[in-house]
Amino acid sequence: MASIYKKTMNVLLIILIILLIGYYLLRITNVINIYAVKSGSMEKSIHVGDYILVMKKSDYKVGDIVSYKEEDHFVTHRIVTEENDTYITKGDANNAEDKPISKNSVVGKVILSGGIINFVVNYKFVLAAIFIALYLLSCYLNDNKKETKDKE
């Protein structure tokens, strides 16, 4: 039983390492970013305090929620119009459209917001500690089983 548990934990550890390496490679290359939402301009879709996972795409279309760089901060709004080399965006909770932005200023499309991403970001150290504790427990149980078998 303990060896099956340890094998399962080893597989999960390998999967976790692969996912983390992939995630950080995507972050380093600016393909994926995580941002904290600081305003209510997208309320009903995205809430203040949520984290959003933003992925760089080759093109965006009307209706996409995108993040773009504006001066010294990022804005996350929905594309409402596309004109030549610009997009016009608008926050879902705002009454007015934003000024046109260059297509080059868009850093990515929101692919995940709130829920699981909030949980993982807020509790990443707790989740890591739990996983490490379970892994160490499986190693301990496996070693105890070997010692018991050797004594017989």
N, C-alpha and C. Protein backbone atom coordinates (compact mmCIF):
# COMPACT_ATOMS: atom_id res chain seq x y z
N MET A 1 0.83 -1.21 0.00
CA MET A 1 0.00 0.00 0.00
C MET A 1 0.86 1.25 0.00
N ALA A 2 1.88 1.28 0.87
CA ALA A 2 2.73 2.47 0.98
C ALA A 2 3.52 2.70 -0.31
N SER A 3 3.96 1.61 -0.97
CA SER A 3 4.74 1.79 -2.19
C SER A 3 3.86 2.33 -3.33
N ILE A 4 2.60 1.91 -3.37
CA ILE A 4 1.68 2.46 -4.38
C ILE A 4 1.48 3.95 -4.11
N TYR A 5 1.32 4.28 -2.84
CA TYR A 5 1.15 5.68 -2.44
C TYR A 5 2.39 6.48 -2.82
N LYS A 6 3.57 5.93 -2.55
CA LYS A 6 4.82 6.64 -2.88
C LYS A 6 4.97 6.80 -4.39
N LYS A 7 4.64 5.75 -5.15
CA LYS A 7 4.73 5.86 -6.60
C LYS A 7 3.78 6.94 -7.13
N THR A 8 2.57 6.98 -6.57
CA THR A 8 1.60 8.00 -6.96
C THR A 8 2.14 9.39 -6.62
N MET A 9 2.71 9.53 -5.44
CA MET A 9 3.27 10.82 -5.03
C MET A 9 4.44 11.21 -5.92
N ASN A 10 5.28 10.25 -6.31
CA ASN A 10 6.39 10.54 -7.22
C ASN A 10 5.88 11.04 -8.56
N VAL A 11 4.86 10.40 -9.09
CA VAL A 11 4.28 10.82 -10.37
C VAL A 11 3.70 12.24 -10.23
N LEU A 12 2.97 12.47 -9.13
CA LEU A 12 2.41 13.81 -8.90
C LEU A 12 3.51 14.86 -8.76
N LEU A 13 4.59 14.50 -8.08
CA LEU A 13 5.72 15.43 -7.93
C LEU A 13 6.33 15.76 -9.28
N ILE A 14 6.51 14.77 -10.12
CA ILE A 14 7.06 15.01 -11.46
C ILE A 14 6.13 15.90 -12.28
N ILE A 15 4.83 15.62 -12.23
CA ILE A 15 3.86 16.44 -12.95
C ILE A 15 3.89 17.89 -12.44
N LEU A 16 3.95 18.05 -11.11
CA LEU A 16 4.02 19.38 -10.53
C LEU A 16 5.27 20.12 -10.99
N ILE A 17 6.40 19.45 -10.99
CA ILE A 17 7.65 20.08 -11.43
C ILE A 17 7.56 20.48 -12.89
N ILE A 18 7.03 19.61 -13.74
CA ILE A 18 6.88 19.94 -15.17
C ILE A 18 5.96 21.14 -15.34
N LEU A 19 4.83 21.16 -14.61
CA LEU A 19 3.91 22.31 -14.71
C LEU A 19 4.57 23.61 -14.25
N LEU A 20 5.31 23.54 -13.15
CA LEU A 20 5.99 24.74 -12.65
C LEU A 20 7.06 25.24 -13.63
N ILE A 21 7.83 24.33 -14.18
CA ILE A 21 8.85 24.72 -15.15
C ILE A 21 8.18 25.34 -16.37
N GLY A 22 7.13 24.70 -16.87
CA GLY A 22 6.40 25.25 -18.02
C GLY A 22 5.83 26.62 -17.73
N TYR A 23 5.21 26.76 -16.56
CA TYR A 23 4.62 28.05 -16.17
C TYR A 23 5.69 29.14 -16.11
N TYR A 24 6.82 28.85 -15.45
CA TYR A 24 7.85 29.88 -15.33
C TYR A 24 8.54 30.18 -16.65
N LEU A 25 8.65 29.20 -17.53
CA LEU A 25 9.18 29.48 -18.87
C LEU A 25 8.24 30.42 -19.63
N LEU A 26 6.92 30.18 -19.50
CA LEU A 26 5.95 31.06 -20.15
C LEU A 26 5.98 32.46 -19.54
N ARG A 27 6.18 32.55 -18.22
CA ARG A 27 6.28 33.86 -17.56
C ARG A 27 7.53 34.61 -18.01
N ILE A 28 8.65 33.89 -18.09
CA ILE A 28 9.92 34.53 -18.49
C ILE A 28 9.81 35.08 -19.91
N THR A 29 9.13 34.36 -20.79
CA THR A 29 9.00 34.79 -22.18
C THR A 29 7.81 35.73 -22.39
N ASN A 30 7.14 36.14 -21.31
CA ASN A 30 5.98 37.04 -21.35
C ASN A 30 4.81 36.49 -22.15
N VAL A 31 4.69 35.19 -22.23
CA VAL A 31 3.53 34.57 -22.89
C VAL A 31 2.36 34.56 -21.91
N ILE A 32 2.65 34.35 -20.63
CA ILE A 32 1.62 34.33 -19.59
C ILE A 32 2.04 35.28 -18.47
N ASN A 33 1.06 36.03 -17.95
CA ASN A 33 1.28 36.89 -16.80
C ASN A 33 0.09 36.79 -15.87
N ILE A 34 0.33 37.09 -14.62
CA ILE A 34 -0.74 37.14 -13.62
C ILE A 34 -0.79 38.57 -13.09
N TYR A 35 -1.99 39.13 -13.07
CA TYR A 35 -2.18 40.48 -12.55
C TYR A 35 -3.26 40.46 -11.48
N ALA A 36 -3.13 41.38 -10.53
CA ALA A 36 -4.16 41.58 -9.51
C ALA A 36 -5.08 42.70 -9.99
N VAL A 37 -6.38 42.51 -9.87
CA VAL A 37 -7.36 43.51 -10.30
C VAL A 37 -7.55 44.52 -9.17
N LYS A 38 -7.39 45.80 -9.52
CA LYS A 38 -7.44 46.85 -8.49
C LYS A 38 -8.61 47.81 -8.64
N SER A 39 -9.42 47.64 -9.69
CA SER A 39 -10.58 48.53 -9.84
C SER A 39 -11.82 47.70 -10.20
N GLY A 40 -12.95 48.33 -10.07
CA GLY A 40 -14.22 47.63 -10.35
C GLY A 40 -14.75 47.88 -11.74
N SER A 41 -13.89 48.30 -12.66
CA SER A 41 -14.36 48.63 -14.01
C SER A 41 -14.89 47.42 -14.78
N MET A 42 -14.54 46.22 -14.35
CA MET A 42 -15.01 45.01 -15.05
C MET A 42 -15.96 44.18 -14.18
N GLU A 43 -16.55 44.83 -13.17
CA GLU A 43 -17.45 44.12 -12.24
C GLU A 43 -18.52 43.33 -12.99
N LYS A 44 -18.93 42.29 -12.39
CA LYS A 44 -19.81 41.22 -12.88
C LYS A 44 -19.02 40.19 -13.65
N SER A 45 -17.96 40.60 -14.35
CA SER A 45 -17.10 39.65 -15.04
C SER A 45 -15.87 39.34 -14.19
N ILE A 46 -15.22 40.41 -13.73
CA ILE A 46 -13.99 40.30 -12.94
C ILE A 46 -14.13 41.26 -11.77
N HIS A 47 -13.81 40.77 -10.57
CA HIS A 47 -14.03 41.56 -9.36
C HIS A 47 -12.74 42.14 -8.79
N VAL A 48 -12.88 43.23 -8.04
CA VAL A 48 -11.74 43.82 -7.35
C VAL A 48 -11.14 42.76 -6.43
N GLY A 49 -9.82 42.63 -6.48
CA GLY A 49 -9.13 41.65 -5.65
C GLY A 49 -8.90 40.32 -6.34
N ASP A 50 -9.57 40.09 -7.47
CA ASP A 50 -9.33 38.86 -8.24
C ASP A 50 -7.94 38.90 -8.86
N TYR A 51 -7.43 37.72 -9.14
CA TYR A 51 -6.23 37.60 -9.95
C TYR A 51 -6.68 37.14 -11.32
N ILE A 52 -5.98 37.62 -12.35
CA ILE A 52 -6.30 37.20 -13.71
C ILE A 52 -5.06 36.59 -14.36
N LEU A 53 -5.28 35.57 -15.15
CA LEU A 53 -4.22 34.93 -15.92
C LEU A 53 -4.37 35.44 -17.34
N VAL A 54 -3.34 36.11 -17.83
CA VAL A 54 -3.38 36.76 -19.14
C VAL A 54 -2.38 36.08 -20.06
N MET A 55 -2.86 35.68 -21.25
CA MET A 55 -1.99 34.99 -22.20
C MET A 55 -1.87 35.79 -23.49
N LYS A 56 -0.64 35.91 -23.95
CA LYS A 56 -0.37 36.61 -25.20
C LYS A 56 -0.89 35.78 -26.37
N LYS A 57 -1.60 36.44 -27.28
CA LYS A 57 -2.13 35.79 -28.48
C LYS A 57 -1.62 36.54 -29.71
N SER A 58 -1.80 35.93 -30.87
CA SER A 58 -1.36 36.60 -32.10
C SER A 58 -2.36 37.67 -32.55
N ASP A 59 -3.63 37.46 -32.24
CA ASP A 59 -4.63 38.49 -32.56
C ASP A 59 -5.80 38.40 -31.58
N TYR A 60 -6.54 39.47 -31.52
CA TYR A 60 -7.66 39.58 -30.58
C TYR A 60 -8.88 40.03 -31.36
N LYS A 61 -10.06 39.71 -30.82
CA LYS A 61 -11.28 40.09 -31.54
C LYS A 61 -12.24 40.83 -30.60
N VAL A 62 -13.22 41.46 -31.19
CA VAL A 62 -14.24 42.18 -30.42
C VAL A 62 -14.89 41.19 -29.46
N GLY A 63 -15.02 41.59 -28.21
CA GLY A 63 -15.59 40.75 -27.16
C GLY A 63 -14.55 40.16 -26.23
N ASP A 64 -13.30 40.10 -26.68
CA ASP A 64 -12.22 39.58 -25.84
C ASP A 64 -11.95 40.56 -24.70
N ILE A 65 -11.65 40.02 -23.52
CA ILE A 65 -11.18 40.85 -22.42
C ILE A 65 -9.66 40.80 -22.47
N VAL A 66 -9.05 41.97 -22.62
CA VAL A 66 -7.60 42.05 -22.79
C VAL A 66 -6.99 42.98 -21.74
N SER A 67 -5.71 42.76 -21.50
CA SER A 67 -4.94 43.67 -20.65
C SER A 67 -3.97 44.40 -21.56
N TYR A 68 -3.82 45.71 -21.30
CA TYR A 68 -2.89 46.50 -22.08
C TYR A 68 -2.17 47.48 -21.18
N LYS A 69 -0.99 47.89 -21.65
CA LYS A 69 -0.16 48.81 -20.88
C LYS A 69 -0.57 50.23 -21.22
N GLU A 70 -0.83 50.99 -20.16
CA GLU A 70 -1.17 52.41 -20.31
C GLU A 70 -0.31 53.19 -19.34
N GLU A 71 0.63 53.94 -19.87
CA GLU A 71 1.60 54.70 -19.07
C GLU A 71 2.34 53.76 -18.11
N ASP A 72 2.09 53.87 -16.80
CA ASP A 72 2.85 53.08 -15.82
C ASP A 72 2.03 51.98 -15.18
N HIS A 73 0.89 51.61 -15.76
CA HIS A 73 0.05 50.56 -15.19
C HIS A 73 -0.64 49.77 -16.30
N PHE A 74 -1.31 48.69 -15.90
CA PHE A 74 -2.03 47.86 -16.85
C PHE A 74 -3.53 48.06 -16.66
N VAL A 75 -4.26 47.99 -17.76
CA VAL A 75 -5.72 48.11 -17.76
C VAL A 75 -6.27 46.83 -18.36
N THR A 76 -7.35 46.34 -17.77
CA THR A 76 -8.01 45.15 -18.31
C THR A 76 -9.46 45.51 -18.62
N HIS A 77 -9.77 45.57 -19.92
CA HIS A 77 -11.12 45.91 -20.39
C HIS A 77 -11.47 45.04 -21.59
N ARG A 78 -12.73 45.11 -21.98
CA ARG A 78 -13.24 44.33 -23.12
C ARG A 78 -13.09 45.14 -24.41
N ILE A 79 -12.68 44.46 -25.49
CA ILE A 79 -12.60 45.11 -26.80
C ILE A 79 -14.02 45.28 -27.33
N VAL A 80 -14.37 46.54 -27.68
CA VAL A 80 -15.72 46.78 -28.22
C VAL A 80 -15.67 47.13 -29.71
N THR A 81 -14.53 47.64 -30.16
CA THR A 81 -14.39 48.00 -31.58
C THR A 81 -12.94 47.81 -32.01
N GLU A 82 -12.79 47.38 -33.26
CA GLU A 82 -11.46 47.26 -33.85
C GLU A 82 -11.41 48.18 -35.06
N GLU A 83 -10.42 49.06 -35.08
CA GLU A 83 -10.27 50.00 -36.20
C GLU A 83 -8.82 50.04 -36.64
N ASN A 84 -8.53 49.58 -37.84
CA ASN A 84 -7.17 49.58 -38.38
C ASN A 84 -6.17 49.00 -37.40
N ASP A 85 -5.27 49.84 -36.89
CA ASP A 85 -4.23 49.38 -35.96
C ASP A 85 -4.56 49.68 -34.50
N THR A 86 -5.84 49.92 -34.22
CA THR A 86 -6.23 50.24 -32.84
C THR A 86 -7.44 49.43 -32.40
N TYR A 87 -7.57 49.35 -31.08
CA TYR A 87 -8.77 48.79 -30.46
C TYR A 87 -9.39 49.88 -29.59
N ILE A 88 -10.70 49.81 -29.47
CA ILE A 88 -11.39 50.64 -28.49
C ILE A 88 -11.94 49.66 -27.46
N THR A 89 -11.61 49.93 -26.21
CA THR A 89 -12.03 49.04 -25.13
C THR A 89 -12.98 49.78 -24.19
N LYS A 90 -13.61 48.99 -23.33
CA LYS A 90 -14.53 49.57 -22.35
C LYS A 90 -14.65 48.60 -21.19
N GLY A 91 -14.62 49.14 -19.99
CA GLY A 91 -14.88 48.31 -18.82
C GLY A 91 -16.35 47.96 -18.79
N ASP A 92 -16.69 46.73 -18.43
CA ASP A 92 -18.09 46.30 -18.40
C ASP A 92 -18.95 47.18 -17.49
N ALA A 93 -18.36 47.70 -16.42
CA ALA A 93 -19.11 48.53 -15.46
C ALA A 93 -19.01 50.02 -15.77
N ASN A 94 -18.28 50.38 -16.81
CA ASN A 94 -18.12 51.79 -17.18
C ASN A 94 -19.19 52.22 -18.17
N ASN A 95 -19.50 53.52 -18.15
CA ASN A 95 -20.49 54.07 -19.08
C ASN A 95 -19.88 54.49 -20.41
N ALA A 96 -18.60 54.84 -20.40
CA ALA A 96 -17.96 55.37 -21.61
C ALA A 96 -16.86 54.44 -22.10
N GLU A 97 -16.62 54.51 -23.39
CA GLU A 97 -15.52 53.76 -23.98
C GLU A 97 -14.21 54.44 -23.65
N ASP A 98 -13.12 53.66 -23.69
CA ASP A 98 -11.79 54.20 -23.48
C ASP A 98 -11.30 54.85 -24.77
N LYS A 99 -10.22 55.63 -24.65
CA LYS A 99 -9.62 56.18 -25.87
C LYS A 99 -8.98 55.04 -26.65
N PRO A 100 -8.85 55.16 -27.96
CA PRO A 100 -8.26 54.08 -28.77
C PRO A 100 -6.85 53.73 -28.29
N ILE A 101 -6.54 52.45 -28.33
CA ILE A 101 -5.20 51.99 -27.97
C ILE A 101 -4.57 51.27 -29.14
N SER A 102 -3.28 51.33 -29.21
CA SER A 102 -2.54 50.63 -30.25
C SER A 102 -2.65 49.13 -30.03
N LYS A 103 -2.78 48.37 -31.11
CA LYS A 103 -2.83 46.91 -30.99
C LYS A 103 -1.55 46.39 -30.34
N ASN A 104 -0.44 47.11 -30.53
CA ASN A 104 0.84 46.69 -29.95
C ASN A 104 0.89 46.84 -28.43
N SER A 105 0.00 47.64 -27.86
CA SER A 105 0.03 47.84 -26.41
C SER A 105 -0.68 46.72 -25.64
N VAL A 106 -1.41 45.86 -26.36
CA VAL A 106 -2.10 44.75 -25.72
C VAL A 106 -1.08 43.69 -25.32
N VAL A 107 -1.10 43.30 -24.03
CA VAL A 107 -0.16 42.29 -23.55
C VAL A 107 -0.76 40.89 -23.55
N GLY A 108 -2.09 40.80 -23.62
CA GLY A 108 -2.69 39.48 -23.68
C GLY A 108 -4.17 39.47 -23.39
N LYS A 109 -4.75 38.30 -23.58
CA LYS A 109 -6.18 38.06 -23.36
C LYS A 109 -6.35 37.37 -22.01
N VAL A 110 -7.37 37.77 -21.27
CA VAL A 110 -7.68 37.12 -20.00
C VAL A 110 -8.22 35.73 -20.30
N ILE A 111 -7.54 34.71 -19.80
CA ILE A 111 -8.00 33.34 -20.03
C ILE A 111 -8.56 32.70 -18.76
N LEU A 112 -8.28 33.31 -17.62
CA LEU A 112 -8.78 32.78 -16.35
C LEU A 112 -8.81 33.91 -15.34
N SER A 113 -9.91 33.97 -14.58
CA SER A 113 -9.99 34.99 -13.54
C SER A 113 -10.71 34.45 -12.32
N GLY A 114 -10.30 34.94 -11.16
CA GLY A 114 -10.95 34.55 -9.92
C GLY A 114 -10.82 33.07 -9.65
N GLY A 115 -11.71 32.54 -8.83
CA GLY A 115 -11.82 31.11 -8.55
C GLY A 115 -10.51 30.42 -8.25
N ILE A 116 -10.15 29.46 -9.09
CA ILE A 116 -8.98 28.62 -8.86
C ILE A 116 -7.69 29.43 -8.87
N ILE A 117 -7.60 30.44 -9.74
CA ILE A 117 -6.37 31.24 -9.80
C ILE A 117 -6.20 32.03 -8.51
N ASN A 118 -7.29 32.56 -7.95
CA ASN A 118 -7.23 33.25 -6.65
C ASN A 118 -6.74 32.30 -5.57
N PHE A 119 -7.31 31.09 -5.56
CA PHE A 119 -6.95 30.09 -4.55
C PHE A 119 -5.48 29.73 -4.62
N VAL A 120 -5.00 29.45 -5.82
CA VAL A 120 -3.60 29.04 -6.00
C VAL A 120 -2.65 30.18 -5.61
N VAL A 121 -2.94 31.41 -6.06
CA VAL A 121 -2.06 32.54 -5.74
C VAL A 121 -2.07 32.83 -4.25
N ASN A 122 -3.24 32.82 -3.64
CA ASN A 122 -3.34 33.15 -2.21
C ASN A 122 -2.78 32.06 -1.30
N TYR A 123 -2.87 30.81 -1.71
CA TYR A 123 -2.46 29.71 -0.84
C TYR A 123 -1.33 28.87 -1.40
N LYS A 124 -0.51 29.44 -2.28
CA LYS A 124 0.55 28.66 -2.94
C LYS A 124 1.52 28.04 -1.94
N PHE A 125 1.85 28.75 -0.86
CA PHE A 125 2.80 28.21 0.11
C PHE A 125 2.15 27.12 0.96
N VAL A 126 0.89 27.28 1.28
CA VAL A 126 0.17 26.25 2.04
C VAL A 126 0.05 24.99 1.18
N LEU A 127 -0.32 25.15 -0.09
CA LEU A 127 -0.44 24.00 -0.99
C LEU A 127 0.90 23.29 -1.15
N ALA A 128 1.98 24.06 -1.29
CA ALA A 128 3.31 23.46 -1.41
C ALA A 128 3.68 22.71 -0.13
N ALA A 129 3.39 23.29 1.03
CA ALA A 129 3.70 22.64 2.31
C ALA A 129 2.91 21.35 2.47
N ILE A 130 1.65 21.36 2.11
CA ILE A 130 0.83 20.15 2.20
C ILE A 130 1.38 19.06 1.29
N PHE A 131 1.72 19.45 0.06
CA PHE A 131 2.25 18.47 -0.88
C PHE A 131 3.57 17.88 -0.38
N ILE A 132 4.47 18.73 0.13
CA ILE A 132 5.75 18.25 0.64
C ILE A 132 5.53 17.33 1.84
N ALA A 133 4.61 17.71 2.73
CA ALA A 133 4.31 16.87 3.90
C ALA A 133 3.79 15.51 3.48
N LEU A 134 2.90 15.47 2.50
CA LEU A 134 2.37 14.19 2.01
C LEU A 134 3.48 13.35 1.37
N TYR A 135 4.36 14.01 0.64
CA TYR A 135 5.47 13.30 0.00
C TYR A 135 6.40 12.70 1.05
N LEU A 136 6.74 13.49 2.06
CA LEU A 136 7.62 13.00 3.13
C LEU A 136 6.96 11.88 3.91
N LEU A 137 5.66 11.99 4.14
CA LEU A 137 4.91 10.93 4.82
C LEU A 137 4.97 9.64 4.02
N SER A 138 4.83 9.74 2.71
CA SER A 138 4.89 8.53 1.87
C SER A 138 6.28 7.90 1.93
N CYS A 139 7.32 8.74 1.96
CA CYS A 139 8.69 8.21 2.09
C CYS A 139 8.87 7.51 3.43
N TYR A 140 8.36 8.12 4.49
CA TYR A 140 8.46 7.54 5.83
C TYR A 140 7.73 6.21 5.90
N LEU A 141 6.51 6.16 5.38
CA LEU A 141 5.73 4.92 5.41
C LEU A 141 6.43 3.82 4.61
N ASN A 142 7.01 4.19 3.49
CA ASN A 142 7.70 3.21 2.65
C ASN A 142 8.94 2.68 3.37
N ASP A 143 9.69 3.56 4.03
CA ASP A 143 10.88 3.12 4.78
C ASP A 143 10.49 2.21 5.94
N ASN A 144 9.41 2.53 6.65
CA ASN A 144 8.95 1.69 7.76
C ASN A 144 8.53 0.31 7.27
N LYS A 145 7.91 0.26 6.11
CA LYS A 145 7.47 -1.01 5.56
C LYS A 145 8.69 -1.87 5.23
N LYS A 146 9.75 -1.24 4.68
CA LYS A 146 10.98 -1.97 4.35
C LYS A 146 11.64 -2.51 5.62
N GLU A 147 11.67 -1.68 6.68
CA GLU A 147 12.29 -2.12 7.93
C GLU A 147 11.52 -3.31 8.53
N THR A 148 10.19 -3.25 8.48
CA THR A 148 9.37 -4.33 9.01
C THR A 148 9.61 -5.61 8.22
N LYS A 149 9.71 -5.47 6.90
CA LYS A 149 9.96 -6.63 6.03
C LYS A 149 11.34 -7.22 6.30
N ASP A 150 12.35 -6.34 6.49
CA ASP A 150 13.72 -6.81 6.75
C ASP A 150 13.81 -7.56 8.07
N LYS A 151 13.04 -7.18 9.10
CA LYS A 151 13.07 -7.83 10.41
C LYS A 151 12.44 -9.21 10.36
N GLU A 152 11.55 -9.43 9.42
CA GLU A 152 10.86 -10.74 9.32
C GLU A 152 11.75 -11.73 8.71
